PDB file of N, CA and C in Angstrom:
ATOM      1  N   MET A   1      13.638  21.135 -17.997  1.00  0.00           N
ATOM      2  CA  MET A   1      12.758  21.983 -17.766  1.00  0.00           C
ATOM      3  C   MET A   1      12.496  22.517 -16.368  1.00  0.00           C
ATOM      4  N   HIS A   2      12.180  23.573 -16.287  1.00  0.00           N
ATOM      5  CA  HIS A   2      11.678  23.896 -14.626  1.00  0.00           C
ATOM      6  C   HIS A   2      10.359  23.009 -13.939  1.00  0.00           C
ATOM      7  N   ALA A   3      10.694  23.195 -12.680  1.00  0.00           N
ATOM      8  CA  ALA A   3       9.694  22.282 -11.991  1.00  0.00           C
ATOM      9  C   ALA A   3       8.430  22.951 -11.972  1.00  0.00           C
ATOM     10  N   ALA A   4       8.241  24.252 -11.846  1.00  0.00           N
ATOM     11  CA  ALA A   4       7.069  24.774 -12.578  1.00  0.00           C
ATOM     12  C   ALA A   4       6.661  24.952 -13.616  1.00  0.00           C
ATOM     13  N   SER A   5       7.224  24.901 -14.735  1.00  0.00           N
ATOM     14  CA  SER A   5       6.760  24.284 -16.309  1.00  0.00           C
ATOM     15  C   SER A   5       6.427  22.995 -15.943  1.00  0.00           C
ATOM     16  N   ARG A   6       6.878  21.912 -15.352  1.00  0.00           N
ATOM     17  CA  ARG A   6       6.818  20.527 -15.721  1.00  0.00           C
ATOM     18  C   ARG A   6       5.268  20.282 -14.603  1.00  0.00           C
ATOM     19  N   ALA A   7       4.967  21.117 -13.762  1.00  0.00           N
ATOM     20  CA  ALA A   7       3.659  20.846 -13.032  1.00  0.00           C
ATOM     21  C   ALA A   7       2.671  21.567 -14.036  1.00  0.00           C
ATOM     22  N   PHE A   8       2.738  22.812 -14.702  1.00  0.00           N
ATOM     23  CA  PHE A   8       1.632  23.409 -15.272  1.00  0.00           C
ATOM     24  C   PHE A   8       1.545  22.611 -16.465  1.00  0.00           C
ATOM     25  N   LEU A   9       2.389  21.792 -17.084  1.00  0.00           N
ATOM     26  CA  LEU A   9       2.681  20.716 -18.081  1.00  0.00           C
ATOM     27  C   LEU A   9       1.575  19.469 -18.152  1.00  0.00           C
ATOM     28  N   SER A  10       1.779  19.413 -16.777  1.00  0.00           N
ATOM     29  CA  SER A  10       1.183  17.599 -15.849  1.00  0.00           C
ATOM     30  C   SER A  10      -0.199  18.202 -15.453  1.00  0.00           C
ATOM     31  N   ALA A  11      -0.587  18.954 -15.180  1.00  0.00           N
ATOM     32  CA  ALA A  11      -1.737  19.598 -14.776  1.00  0.00           C
ATOM     33  C   ALA A  11      -3.143  18.943 -15.208  1.00  0.00           C
ATOM     34  N   PRO A  12      -2.962  19.184 -16.888  1.00  0.00           N
ATOM     35  CA  PRO A  12      -4.141  18.933 -17.568  1.00  0.00           C
ATOM     36  C   PRO A  12      -4.219  17.452 -17.416  1.00  0.00           C
ATOM     37  N   ALA A  13      -3.345  16.576 -17.772  1.00  0.00           N
ATOM     38  CA  ALA A  13      -2.840  15.244 -17.706  1.00  0.00           C
ATOM     39  C   ALA A  13      -3.571  14.777 -16.798  1.00  0.00           C
ATOM     40  N   ILE A  14      -3.360  15.314 -15.295  1.00  0.00           N
ATOM     41  CA  ILE A  14      -3.371  14.584 -13.972  1.00  0.00           C
ATOM     42  C   ILE A  14      -5.246  14.955 -13.945  1.00  0.00           C
ATOM     43  N   GLY A  15      -5.487  15.947 -14.397  1.00  0.00           N
ATOM     44  CA  GLY A  15      -6.675  16.295 -14.267  1.00  0.00           C
ATOM     45  C   GLY A  15      -8.052  15.502 -15.463  1.00  0.00           C
ATOM     46  N   THR A  16      -7.191  15.084 -16.241  1.00  0.00           N
ATOM     47  CA  THR A  16      -8.031  14.278 -17.289  1.00  0.00           C
ATOM     48  C   THR A  16      -7.794  12.870 -16.679  1.00  0.00           C
ATOM     49  N   LEU A  17      -7.038  12.414 -15.786  1.00  0.00           N
ATOM     50  CA  LEU A  17      -7.133  11.074 -15.428  1.00  0.00           C
ATOM     51  C   LEU A  17      -8.062  10.937 -14.446  1.00  0.00           C
ATOM     52  N   ALA A  18      -8.145  11.947 -13.542  1.00  0.00           N
ATOM     53  CA  ALA A  18      -8.687  11.930 -12.244  1.00  0.00           C
ATOM     54  C   ALA A  18     -10.157  12.041 -12.640  1.00  0.00           C
ATOM     55  N   SER A  19     -10.726  12.594 -13.983  1.00  0.00           N
ATOM     56  CA  SER A  19     -12.111  12.783 -13.900  1.00  0.00           C
ATOM     57  C   SER A  19     -12.507  11.710 -14.979  1.00  0.00           C
ATOM     58  N   CYS A  20     -11.901  10.233 -15.227  1.00  0.00           N
ATOM     59  CA  CYS A  20     -12.083   9.288 -15.868  1.00  0.00           C
ATOM     60  C   CYS A  20     -12.710   8.274 -15.103  1.00  0.00           C
ATOM     61  N   PRO A  21     -13.756   7.787 -15.095  1.00  0.00           N
ATOM     62  CA  PRO A  21     -14.408   6.989 -14.423  1.00  0.00           C
ATOM     63  C   PRO A  21     -13.578   5.678 -14.612  1.00  0.00           C
ATOM     64  N   ALA A  22     -13.659   5.024 -13.272  1.00  0.00           N
ATOM     65  CA  ALA A  22     -13.018   3.926 -13.135  1.00  0.00           C
ATOM     66  C   ALA A  22     -14.043   2.849 -13.273  1.00  0.00           C
ATOM     67  N   PHE A  23     -13.646   1.541 -13.980  1.00  0.00           N
ATOM     68  CA  PHE A  23     -14.196   0.155 -14.494  1.00  0.00           C
ATOM     69  C   PHE A  23     -13.806  -0.850 -13.986  1.00  0.00           C
ATOM     70  N   ALA A  24     -14.842  -1.524 -12.802  1.00  0.00           N
ATOM     71  CA  ALA A  24     -14.482  -2.857 -12.508  1.00  0.00           C
ATOM     72  C   ALA A  24     -14.291  -3.721 -13.229  1.00  0.00           C
ATOM     73  N   GLN A  25     -13.705  -4.699 -13.379  1.00  0.00           N
ATOM     74  CA  GLN A  25     -13.373  -6.039 -14.017  1.00  0.00           C
ATOM     75  C   GLN A  25     -14.565  -7.062 -13.728  1.00  0.00           C
ATOM     76  N   ASP A  26     -15.289  -7.601 -14.339  1.00  0.00           N
ATOM     77  CA  ASP A  26     -16.165  -8.685 -14.021  1.00  0.00           C
ATOM     78  C   ASP A  26     -15.276  -9.725 -13.349  1.00  0.00           C
ATOM     79  N   VAL A  27     -15.644 -10.393 -12.290  1.00  0.00           N
ATOM     80  CA  VAL A  27     -14.474 -11.592 -11.671  1.00  0.00           C
ATOM     81  C   VAL A  27     -15.654 -12.705 -11.630  1.00  0.00           C
ATOM     82  N   ALA A  28     -14.825 -13.730 -11.664  1.00  0.00           N
ATOM     83  CA  ALA A  28     -15.526 -15.004 -11.845  1.00  0.00           C
ATOM     84  C   ALA A  28     -16.076 -15.453 -10.635  1.00  0.00           C
ATOM     85  N   PRO A  29     -17.186 -15.750 -10.109  1.00  0.00           N
ATOM     86  CA  PRO A  29     -17.461 -16.584  -8.692  1.00  0.00           C
ATOM     87  C   PRO A  29     -16.502 -17.080  -8.134  1.00  0.00           C
ATOM     88  N   ALA A  30     -15.951 -18.339  -8.625  1.00  0.00           N
ATOM     89  CA  ALA A  30     -14.979 -19.310  -8.254  1.00  0.00           C
ATOM     90  C   ALA A  30     -13.820 -18.396  -7.512  1.00  0.00           C
ATOM     91  N   TYR A  31     -13.471 -17.240  -8.100  1.00  0.00           N
ATOM     92  CA  TYR A  31     -12.290 -16.300  -7.582  1.00  0.00           C
ATOM     93  C   TYR A  31     -12.776 -15.500  -6.464  1.00  0.00           C
ATOM     94  N   THR A  32     -14.059 -15.267  -6.365  1.00  0.00           N
ATOM     95  CA  THR A  32     -14.936 -14.139  -5.372  1.00  0.00           C
ATOM     96  C   THR A  32     -14.688 -15.074  -4.023  1.00  0.00           C
ATOM     97  N   GLU A  33     -15.312 -16.448  -4.577  1.00  0.00           N
ATOM     98  CA  GLU A  33     -15.454 -17.650  -3.189  1.00  0.00           C
ATOM     99  C   GLU A  33     -14.024 -17.689  -2.630  1.00  0.00           C
ATOM    100  N   THR A  34     -12.824 -18.058  -3.448  1.00  0.00           N
ATOM    101  CA  THR A  34     -11.578 -18.422  -3.013  1.00  0.00           C
ATOM    102  C   THR A  34     -11.244 -17.040  -1.950  1.00  0.00           C
ATOM    103  N   VAL A  35     -11.148 -15.929  -2.582  1.00  0.00           N
ATOM    104  CA  VAL A  35     -10.830 -14.694  -1.785  1.00  0.00           C
ATOM    105  C   VAL A  35     -11.438 -14.862  -0.302  1.00  0.00           C
ATOM    106  N   LYS A  36     -12.916 -14.930  -0.511  1.00  0.00           N
ATOM    107  CA  LYS A  36     -13.684 -14.575   0.777  1.00  0.00           C
ATOM    108  C   LYS A  36     -12.894 -15.798   1.620  1.00  0.00           C
ATOM    109  N   ARG A  37     -12.748 -17.051   1.345  1.00  0.00           N
ATOM    110  CA  ARG A  37     -12.509 -18.226   2.093  1.00  0.00           C
ATOM    111  C   ARG A  37     -11.287 -17.800   2.930  1.00  0.00           C
ATOM    112  N   ILE A  38     -10.410 -17.381   2.034  1.00  0.00           N
ATOM    113  CA  ILE A  38      -8.984 -17.055   2.622  1.00  0.00           C
ATOM    114  C   ILE A  38      -9.241 -16.038   3.297  1.00  0.00           C
ATOM    115  N   MET A  39      -9.928 -14.932   3.280  1.00  0.00           N
ATOM    116  CA  MET A  39      -9.876 -13.649   3.998  1.00  0.00           C
ATOM    117  C   MET A  39     -10.638 -13.864   5.485  1.00  0.00           C
ATOM    118  N   ASP A  40     -11.693 -14.915   5.362  1.00  0.00           N
ATOM    119  CA  ASP A  40     -12.193 -15.077   6.499  1.00  0.00           C
ATOM    120  C   ASP A  40     -11.717 -16.235   7.107  1.00  0.00           C
ATOM    121  N   SER A  41     -10.413 -16.850   6.939  1.00  0.00           N
ATOM    122  CA  SER A  41      -9.727 -17.889   7.240  1.00  0.00           C
ATOM    123  C   SER A  41      -8.831 -17.446   8.642  1.00  0.00           C
ATOM    124  N   GLN A  42      -8.781 -18.177   9.764  1.00  0.00           N
ATOM    125  CA  GLN A  42      -8.152 -17.966  11.072  1.00  0.00           C
ATOM    126  C   GLN A  42      -6.586 -17.084  11.089  1.00  0.00           C
ATOM    127  N   SER A  43      -6.041 -17.910   9.822  1.00  0.00           N
ATOM    128  CA  SER A  43      -4.673 -17.859   9.523  1.00  0.00           C
ATOM    129  C   SER A  43      -4.506 -16.587   8.785  1.00  0.00           C
ATOM    130  N   PHE A  44      -5.300 -16.005   8.040  1.00  0.00           N
ATOM    131  CA  PHE A  44      -5.136 -14.881   7.261  1.00  0.00           C
ATOM    132  C   PHE A  44      -5.560 -13.386   8.608  1.00  0.00           C
ATOM    133  N   LYS A  45      -6.276 -13.624   9.222  1.00  0.00           N
ATOM    134  CA  LYS A  45      -6.801 -12.397  10.194  1.00  0.00           C
ATOM    135  C   LYS A  45      -5.656 -12.597  11.136  1.00  0.00           C
ATOM    136  N   THR A  46      -5.019 -13.287  11.505  1.00  0.00           N
ATOM    137  CA  THR A  46      -3.709 -13.583  12.476  1.00  0.00           C
ATOM    138  C   THR A  46      -2.590 -12.682  11.710  1.00  0.00           C
ATOM    139  N   ALA A  47      -2.397 -12.960  10.452  1.00  0.00           N
ATOM    140  CA  ALA A  47      -1.373 -12.644   9.617  1.00  0.00           C
ATOM    141  C   ALA A  47      -1.447 -10.774   9.388  1.00  0.00           C
ATOM    142  N   VAL A  48      -2.989 -10.576   9.258  1.00  0.00           N
ATOM    143  CA  VAL A  48      -3.300  -8.905   9.301  1.00  0.00           C
ATOM    144  C   VAL A  48      -3.249  -8.609  10.322  1.00  0.00           C
ATOM    145  N   ASP A  49      -3.642  -9.120  11.705  1.00  0.00           N
ATOM    146  CA  ASP A  49      -3.329  -8.156  13.079  1.00  0.00           C
ATOM    147  C   ASP A  49      -1.618  -8.060  13.435  1.00  0.00           C
ATOM    148  N   ALA A  50      -1.083  -9.223  12.965  1.00  0.00           N
ATOM    149  CA  ALA A  50       0.286  -9.039  13.160  1.00  0.00           C
ATOM    150  C   ALA A  50       0.745  -7.971  12.302  1.00  0.00           C
ATOM    151  N   LEU A  51       0.289  -7.660  10.912  1.00  0.00           N
ATOM    152  CA  LEU A  51       1.223  -6.519  10.224  1.00  0.00           C
ATOM    153  C   LEU A  51       0.594  -5.108  10.464  1.00  0.00           C
ATOM    154  N   GLN A  52      -0.801  -5.198  11.372  1.00  0.00           N
ATOM    155  CA  GLN A  52      -1.136  -4.061  11.714  1.00  0.00           C
ATOM    156  C   GLN A  52      -0.485  -3.436  12.846  1.00  0.00           C
ATOM    157  N   LYS A  53      -0.543  -4.527  13.840  1.00  0.00           N
ATOM    158  CA  LYS A  53       0.283  -4.318  14.849  1.00  0.00           C
ATOM    159  C   LYS A  53       1.604  -3.501  14.858  1.00  0.00           C
ATOM    160  N   ASP A  54       2.488  -3.836  14.002  1.00  0.00           N
ATOM    161  CA  ASP A  54       3.690  -3.714  13.411  1.00  0.00           C
ATOM    162  C   ASP A  54       3.926  -2.462  12.290  1.00  0.00           C
ATOM    163  N   HIS A  55       2.964  -2.014  12.239  1.00  0.00           N
ATOM    164  CA  HIS A  55       2.642  -1.065  11.122  1.00  0.00           C
ATOM    165  C   HIS A  55       3.699   0.274  11.115  1.00  0.00           C
ATOM    166  N   GLU A  56       3.664   0.653  12.521  1.00  0.00           N
ATOM    167  CA  GLU A  56       4.529   1.944  12.527  1.00  0.00           C
ATOM    168  C   GLU A  56       6.189   1.722  12.460  1.00  0.00           C
ATOM    169  N   ARG A  57       6.448   0.219  13.259  1.00  0.00           N
ATOM    170  CA  ARG A  57       7.537  -0.094  12.727  1.00  0.00           C
ATOM    171  C   ARG A  57       8.017  -0.038  11.426  1.00  0.00           C
ATOM    172  N   TRP A  58       7.542  -0.778  10.777  1.00  0.00           N
ATOM    173  CA  TRP A  58       7.734  -0.750   8.986  1.00  0.00           C
ATOM    174  C   TRP A  58       8.032   0.117   8.718  1.00  0.00           C
ATOM    175  N   ILE A  59       7.020   1.002   8.767  1.00  0.00           N
ATOM    176  CA  ILE A  59       7.186   2.156   8.290  1.00  0.00           C
ATOM    177  C   ILE A  59       8.450   3.198   8.860  1.00  0.00           C
ATOM    178  N   SER A  60       8.711   3.086   9.701  1.00  0.00           N
ATOM    179  CA  SER A  60       9.567   3.337  10.470  1.00  0.00           C
ATOM    180  C   SER A  60      11.134   3.002   9.613  1.00  0.00           C
ATOM    181  N   GLU A  61      11.159   1.794   9.580  1.00  0.00           N
ATOM    182  CA  GLU A  61      12.404   1.211   9.170  1.00  0.00           C
ATOM    183  C   GLU A  61      12.225   1.361   7.563  1.00  0.00           C
ATOM    184  N   VAL A  62      11.197   1.219   6.953  1.00  0.00           N
ATOM    185  CA  VAL A  62      11.396   1.650   5.289  1.00  0.00           C
ATOM    186  C   VAL A  62      11.736   2.854   5.217  1.00  0.00           C
ATOM    187  N   ILE A  63      11.602   3.958   5.801  1.00  0.00           N
ATOM    188  CA  ILE A  63      11.862   5.461   5.768  1.00  0.00           C
ATOM    189  C   ILE A  63      13.504   5.606   6.201  1.00  0.00           C
ATOM    190  N   LYS A  64      14.124   4.392   6.970  1.00  0.00           N
ATOM    191  CA  LYS A  64      15.337   4.688   7.483  1.00  0.00           C
ATOM    192  C   LYS A  64      16.037   3.876   6.494  1.00  0.00           C
ATOM    193  N   LEU A  65      15.824   3.069   5.636  1.00  0.00           N
ATOM    194  CA  LEU A  65      16.325   2.343   4.562  1.00  0.00           C
ATOM    195  C   LEU A  65      16.576   3.132   3.646  1.00  0.00           C
ATOM    196  N   THR A  66      15.575   3.970   3.239  1.00  0.00           N
ATOM    197  CA  THR A  66      15.373   4.696   1.981  1.00  0.00           C
ATOM    198  C   THR A  66      16.323   5.941   2.146  1.00  0.00           C
ATOM    199  N   GLU A  67      16.359   6.681   3.491  1.00  0.00           N
ATOM    200  CA  GLU A  67      16.955   7.710   3.650  1.00  0.00           C
ATOM    201  C   GLU A  67      18.641   7.526   3.753  1.00  0.00           C
ATOM    202  N   VAL A  68      19.136   6.336   3.655  1.00  0.00           N
ATOM    203  CA  VAL A  68      20.580   5.919   3.598  1.00  0.00           C
ATOM    204  C   VAL A  68      21.230   5.895   2.337  1.00  0.00           C
ATOM    205  N   PRO A  69      22.076   6.696   2.048  1.00  0.00           N
ATOM    206  CA  PRO A  69      22.590   6.976   0.540  1.00  0.00           C
ATOM    207  C   PRO A  69      23.302   5.587   0.367  1.00  0.00           C
ATOM    208  N   ALA A  70      22.808   5.351  -1.114  1.00  0.00           N
ATOM    209  CA  ALA A  70      23.275   4.046  -1.748  1.00  0.00           C
ATOM    210  C   ALA A  70      23.309   4.102  -3.196  1.00  0.00           C
ATOM    211  N   PRO A  71      24.543   4.977  -3.269  1.00  0.00           N
ATOM    212  CA  PRO A  71      24.826   5.205  -5.052  1.00  0.00           C
ATOM    213  C   PRO A  71      25.201   3.724  -5.632  1.00  0.00           C
ATOM    214  N   PRO A  72      25.044   3.570  -6.785  1.00  0.00           N
ATOM    215  CA  PRO A  72      25.467   2.346  -7.269  1.00  0.00           C
ATOM    216  C   PRO A  72      26.845   1.643  -7.166  1.00  0.00           C
ATOM    217  N   PHE A  73      26.816   0.264  -6.781  1.00  0.00           N
ATOM    218  CA  PHE A  73      28.174  -0.329  -6.316  1.00  0.00           C
ATOM    219  C   PHE A  73      28.810  -0.034  -5.046  1.00  0.00           C
ATOM    220  N   LYS A  74      27.881   1.213  -4.213  1.00  0.00           N
ATOM    221  CA  LYS A  74      28.426   1.793  -2.695  1.00  0.00           C
ATOM    222  C   LYS A  74      27.101   1.581  -1.884  1.00  0.00           C
ATOM    223  N   GLU A  75      26.581   0.201  -1.845  1.00  0.00           N
ATOM    224  CA  GLU A  75      25.070  -0.033  -1.240  1.00  0.00           C
ATOM    225  C   GLU A  75      25.643  -0.619   0.397  1.00  0.00           C
ATOM    226  N   GLN A  76      26.783  -0.817   0.789  1.00  0.00           N
ATOM    227  CA  GLN A  76      27.236  -1.457   2.048  1.00  0.00           C
ATOM    228  C   GLN A  76      26.385  -1.115   3.224  1.00  0.00           C
ATOM    229  N   GLU A  77      26.502   0.430   3.459  1.00  0.00           N
ATOM    230  CA  GLU A  77      25.683   0.727   4.841  1.00  0.00           C
ATOM    231  C   GLU A  77      24.300   0.484   4.781  1.00  0.00           C
ATOM    232  N   ARG A  78      23.829   0.767   3.279  1.00  0.00           N
ATOM    233  CA  ARG A  78      22.292   0.140   3.426  1.00  0.00           C
ATOM    234  C   ARG A  78      22.191  -1.215   3.671  1.00  0.00           C
ATOM    235  N   ALA A  79      23.267  -1.648   3.127  1.00  0.00           N
ATOM    236  CA  ALA A  79      22.738  -3.461   3.457  1.00  0.00           C
ATOM    237  C   ALA A  79      22.953  -3.870   4.789  1.00  0.00           C
ATOM    238  N   ARG A  80      24.172  -2.940   5.747  1.00  0.00           N
ATOM    239  CA  ARG A  80      24.001  -3.794   6.765  1.00  0.00           C
ATOM    240  C   ARG A  80      22.995  -3.180   7.758  1.00  0.00           C
ATOM    241  N   LEU A  81      22.242  -1.831   7.655  1.00  0.00           N
ATOM    242  CA  LEU A  81      21.469  -1.761   8.194  1.00  0.00           C
ATOM    243  C   LEU A  81      20.106  -2.480   7.612  1.00  0.00           C
ATOM    244  N   THR A  82      19.834  -3.182   6.742  1.00  0.00           N
ATOM    245  CA  THR A  82      18.950  -3.987   6.223  1.00  0.00           C
ATOM    246  C   THR A  82      18.900  -5.048   7.124  1.00  0.00           C
ATOM    247  N   ARG A  83      20.398  -5.379   7.124  1.00  0.00           N
ATOM    248  CA  ARG A  83      20.556  -7.067   8.139  1.00  0.00           C
ATOM    249  C   ARG A  83      19.997  -6.851   9.224  1.00  0.00           C
ATOM    250  N   ARG A  84      20.348  -5.754   9.774  1.00  0.00           N
ATOM    251  CA  ARG A  84      20.172  -5.371  11.381  1.00  0.00           C
ATOM    252  C   ARG A  84      18.836  -5.150  11.452  1.00  0.00           C
ATOM    253  N   CYS A  85      18.029  -4.446  10.640  1.00  0.00           N
ATOM    254  CA  CYS A  85      16.363  -4.406  10.624  1.00  0.00           C
ATOM    255  C   CYS A  85      15.541  -5.598  10.322  1.00  0.00           C
ATOM    256  N   SER A  86      16.169  -6.794   9.480  1.00  0.00           N
ATOM    257  CA  SER A  86      15.743  -8.300   9.380  1.00  0.00           C
ATOM    258  C   SER A  86      15.948  -8.936  10.482  1.00  0.00           C
ATOM    259  N   ARG A  87      17.071  -8.569  11.654  1.00  0.00           N
ATOM    260  CA  ARG A  87      17.061 -10.010  12.357  1.00  0.00           C
ATOM    261  C   ARG A  87      15.842  -9.824  13.294  1.00  0.00           C
ATOM    262  N   PRO A  88      15.420 -10.972  13.923  1.00  0.00           N
ATOM    263  CA  PRO A  88      14.323 -11.027  14.592  1.00  0.00           C
ATOM    264  C   PRO A  88      14.637  -9.974  15.893  1.00  0.00           C
ATOM    265  N   MET A  89      13.412  -9.525  16.638  1.00  0.00           N
ATOM    266  CA  MET A  89      13.837  -8.717  17.804  1.00  0.00           C
ATOM    267  C   MET A  89      13.815  -9.829  19.001  1.00  0.00           C
ATOM    268  N   ALA A  90      14.559  -9.609  19.797  1.00  0.00           N
ATOM    269  CA  ALA A  90      14.805 -10.417  20.995  1.00  0.00           C
ATOM    270  C   ALA A  90      14.266  -9.686  22.379  1.00  0.00           C
TER     271      ALA A  90
END
């Protein structure tokens, strides 16, 4: 099927899904309190800060990794890059 045909046929489905209201689930108060306690903790805030600070580097590495050709059973090049990226920076 041509790309234009797929786009034409999938447009009504996407439109239907996009127009449906989203329904939130009821969450037990104990879970809400647990999530709030975790999000208010200093260790969570420290982790979020570290991830936000390195966000651009993470995105760049993911893009590099996904751009490396890695057909089945021939993933050596991607494995080398993954090892290199996962080493701590000195």
